[in-house]
Structures are given as structure tokens and as C-alpha cells.
Amino acid sequence: MKLRVLYFARLRERFGMTEEKVELVGSTAADLVAQLQARGGVWAEELGAGRAFRVAVNQDIVTLDASFPENAEVAIFPPVTGG
């Protein structure tokens, strides 16, 4: 399954990219996170247990058990607060 993955804030800085195309092995947000973590280094660190981040699919925030439609736009970003 092909996805367009966008990174924001500290994740964009740590990963050194704003977006990429990913061929997902699996179908859920958890599968994507695991696939990215498997890259090791900053990927495993920033997306590991205890790190705060959110996932959105086609601009809707989802839980890690959410499935992706083909060619989805997936955003991964740290939680933000406003005021």
C-alpha cells in the first residue's frame, strides 16, 4: 500500500525530511509506526514507547489501530497546545 507521509515540528527536524512516499507492509497506523521504527536510530527513538506523537490520516487524527485507504496522506507530529 502506498502512502504519502508528512512529518511536522521536531519530527521533521530529527528525521531530516518533511515528507516521503512509503510502501506500507500492513494496513494500520501501528504497522506504519513499526515499519518506521525498524529503521533504527532517530526513527526508533522518536517513535518509540513513551514518546508523544499523533497520527492523522487525510487530516483526521486517528488511533494506532486505524487502517489506511490506498494513497492516504498520513501526518505524524508531536502533540501541540494552543491558547
C-alpha atoms as a PDB file:
ATOM      1  CA  MET A   1       0.000   0.000   0.000  1.00  0.00           C
ATOM      2  CA  LYS A   2       1.411   3.387  -0.993  1.00  0.00           C
ATOM      3  CA  LEU A   3       1.222   6.301   1.436  1.00  0.00           C
ATOM      4  CA  ARG A   4       2.383   9.895   1.450  1.00  0.00           C
ATOM      5  CA  VAL A   5       3.820  10.502   4.923  1.00  0.00           C
ATOM      6  CA  LEU A   6       4.321  14.044   6.230  1.00  0.00           C
ATOM      7  CA  TYR A   7       6.439  14.966   9.267  1.00  0.00           C
ATOM      8  CA  PHE A   8       5.991  18.095  11.372  1.00  0.00           C
ATOM      9  CA  ALA A   9       7.783  20.072  14.110  1.00  0.00           C
ATOM     10  CA  ARG A  10      10.544  18.210  15.972  1.00  0.00           C
ATOM     11  CA  LEU A  11       9.985  15.054  13.916  1.00  0.00           C
ATOM     12  CA  ARG A  12      10.668  16.910  10.672  1.00  0.00           C
ATOM     13  CA  GLU A  13      13.882  18.264  12.182  1.00  0.00           C
ATOM     14  CA  ARG A  14      15.028  14.947  13.642  1.00  0.00           C
ATOM     15  CA  PHE A  15      14.223  12.888  10.520  1.00  0.00           C
ATOM     16  CA  GLY A  16      15.678  15.497   8.177  1.00  0.00           C
ATOM     17  CA  MET A  17      12.694  15.476   5.829  1.00  0.00           C
ATOM     18  CA  THR A  18       9.248  16.990   5.508  1.00  0.00           C
ATOM     19  CA  GLU A  19       7.650  14.118   3.616  1.00  0.00           C
ATOM     20  CA  GLU A  20       8.241  10.853   1.820  1.00  0.00           C
ATOM     21  CA  LYS A  21       6.433   8.115  -0.082  1.00  0.00           C
ATOM     22  CA  VAL A  22       6.226   4.864   1.876  1.00  0.00           C
ATOM     23  CA  GLU A  23       5.257   1.423   0.635  1.00  0.00           C
ATOM     24  CA  LEU A  24       3.490   0.109   3.738  1.00  0.00           C
ATOM     25  CA  VAL A  25       3.725  -3.551   4.648  1.00  0.00           C
ATOM     26  CA  GLY A  26       0.463  -3.887   6.572  1.00  0.00           C
ATOM     27  CA  SER A  27      -2.596  -1.698   6.772  1.00  0.00           C
ATOM     28  CA  THR A  28      -2.735   0.202  10.073  1.00  0.00           C
ATOM     29  CA  ALA A  29      -1.103   3.201  11.712  1.00  0.00           C
ATOM     30  CA  ALA A  30       0.598   0.793  14.142  1.00  0.00           C
ATOM     31  CA  ASP A  31       2.073  -1.096  11.168  1.00  0.00           C
ATOM     32  CA  LEU A  32       3.428   2.159   9.746  1.00  0.00           C
ATOM     33  CA  VAL A  33       4.953   3.226  13.068  1.00  0.00           C
ATOM     34  CA  ALA A  34       6.576  -0.209  13.490  1.00  0.00           C
ATOM     35  CA  GLN A  35       7.961  -0.066   9.946  1.00  0.00           C
ATOM     36  CA  LEU A  36       9.443   3.386  10.567  1.00  0.00           C
ATOM     37  CA  GLN A  37      10.830   2.362  13.990  1.00  0.00           C
ATOM     38  CA  ALA A  38      12.596  -0.575  12.329  1.00  0.00           C
ATOM     39  CA  ARG A  39      14.839   1.942  10.540  1.00  0.00           C
ATOM     40  CA  GLY A  40      16.594   2.356  13.893  1.00  0.00           C
ATOM     41  CA  GLY A  41      18.417   5.445  15.154  1.00  0.00           C
ATOM     42  CA  VAL A  42      16.314   8.596  15.490  1.00  0.00           C
ATOM     43  CA  TRP A  43      13.322   6.749  13.983  1.00  0.00           C
ATOM     44  CA  ALA A  44      13.262   4.196  16.800  1.00  0.00           C
ATOM     45  CA  GLU A  45      13.961   6.907  19.360  1.00  0.00           C
ATOM     46  CA  GLU A  46      11.295   9.419  18.272  1.00  0.00           C
ATOM     47  CA  LEU A  47       8.552   6.848  17.558  1.00  0.00           C
ATOM     48  CA  GLY A  48       9.368   4.538  20.463  1.00  0.00           C
ATOM     49  CA  ALA A  49       7.381   3.740  23.567  1.00  0.00           C
ATOM     50  CA  GLY A  50       6.956   6.713  25.855  1.00  0.00           C
ATOM     51  CA  ARG A  51       7.384   9.309  23.085  1.00  0.00           C
ATOM     52  CA  ALA A  52       4.389  11.539  22.408  1.00  0.00           C
ATOM     53  CA  PHE A  53       3.221  11.828  18.811  1.00  0.00           C
ATOM     54  CA  ARG A  54      -0.042  11.839  16.893  1.00  0.00           C
ATOM     55  CA  VAL A  55      -1.061  10.315  13.573  1.00  0.00           C
ATOM     56  CA  ALA A  56      -3.589  11.834  11.180  1.00  0.00           C
ATOM     57  CA  VAL A  57      -4.989  10.239   8.029  1.00  0.00           C
ATOM     58  CA  ASN A  58      -6.299  12.586   5.368  1.00  0.00           C
ATOM     59  CA  GLN A  59      -6.296  15.343   8.024  1.00  0.00           C
ATOM     60  CA  ASP A  60      -8.256  13.388  10.658  1.00  0.00           C
ATOM     61  CA  ILE A  61      -6.459  12.352  13.859  1.00  0.00           C
ATOM     62  CA  VAL A  62      -6.659   8.578  14.311  1.00  0.00           C
ATOM     63  CA  THR A  63      -5.639   5.911  16.806  1.00  0.00           C
ATOM     64  CA  LEU A  64      -2.893   3.430  16.013  1.00  0.00           C
ATOM     65  CA  ASP A  65      -5.422   0.710  15.160  1.00  0.00           C
ATOM     66  CA  ALA A  66      -6.851   2.791  12.284  1.00  0.00           C
ATOM     67  CA  SER A  67      -6.495   1.389   8.750  1.00  0.00           C
ATOM     68  CA  PHE A  68      -5.365   3.401   5.774  1.00  0.00           C
ATOM     69  CA  PRO A  69      -7.034   3.749   2.400  1.00  0.00           C
ATOM     70  CA  GLU A  70      -4.715   3.375  -0.611  1.00  0.00           C
ATOM     71  CA  ASN A  71      -2.764   6.580  -1.373  1.00  0.00           C
ATOM     72  CA  ALA A  72      -3.637   8.105   2.001  1.00  0.00           C
ATOM     73  CA  GLU A  73      -1.904  11.223   3.248  1.00  0.00           C
ATOM     74  CA  VAL A  74      -0.549  10.430   6.703  1.00  0.00           C
ATOM     75  CA  ALA A  75       0.813  13.091   9.042  1.00  0.00           C
ATOM     76  CA  ILE A  76       2.941  12.276  12.074  1.00  0.00           C
ATOM     77  CA  PHE A  77       3.516  15.077  14.548  1.00  0.00           C
ATOM     78  CA  PRO A  78       4.078  15.834  18.218  1.00  0.00           C
ATOM     79  CA  PRO A  79       1.029  16.906  20.221  1.00  0.00           C
ATOM     80  CA  VAL A  80       0.523  20.646  20.318  1.00  0.00           C
ATOM     81  CA  THR A  81      -1.290  23.017  22.614  1.00  0.00           C
ATOM     82  CA  GLY A  82      -2.820  26.320  21.776  1.00  0.00           C
ATOM     83  CA  GLY A  83      -4.034  29.266  23.639  1.00  0.00           C
END
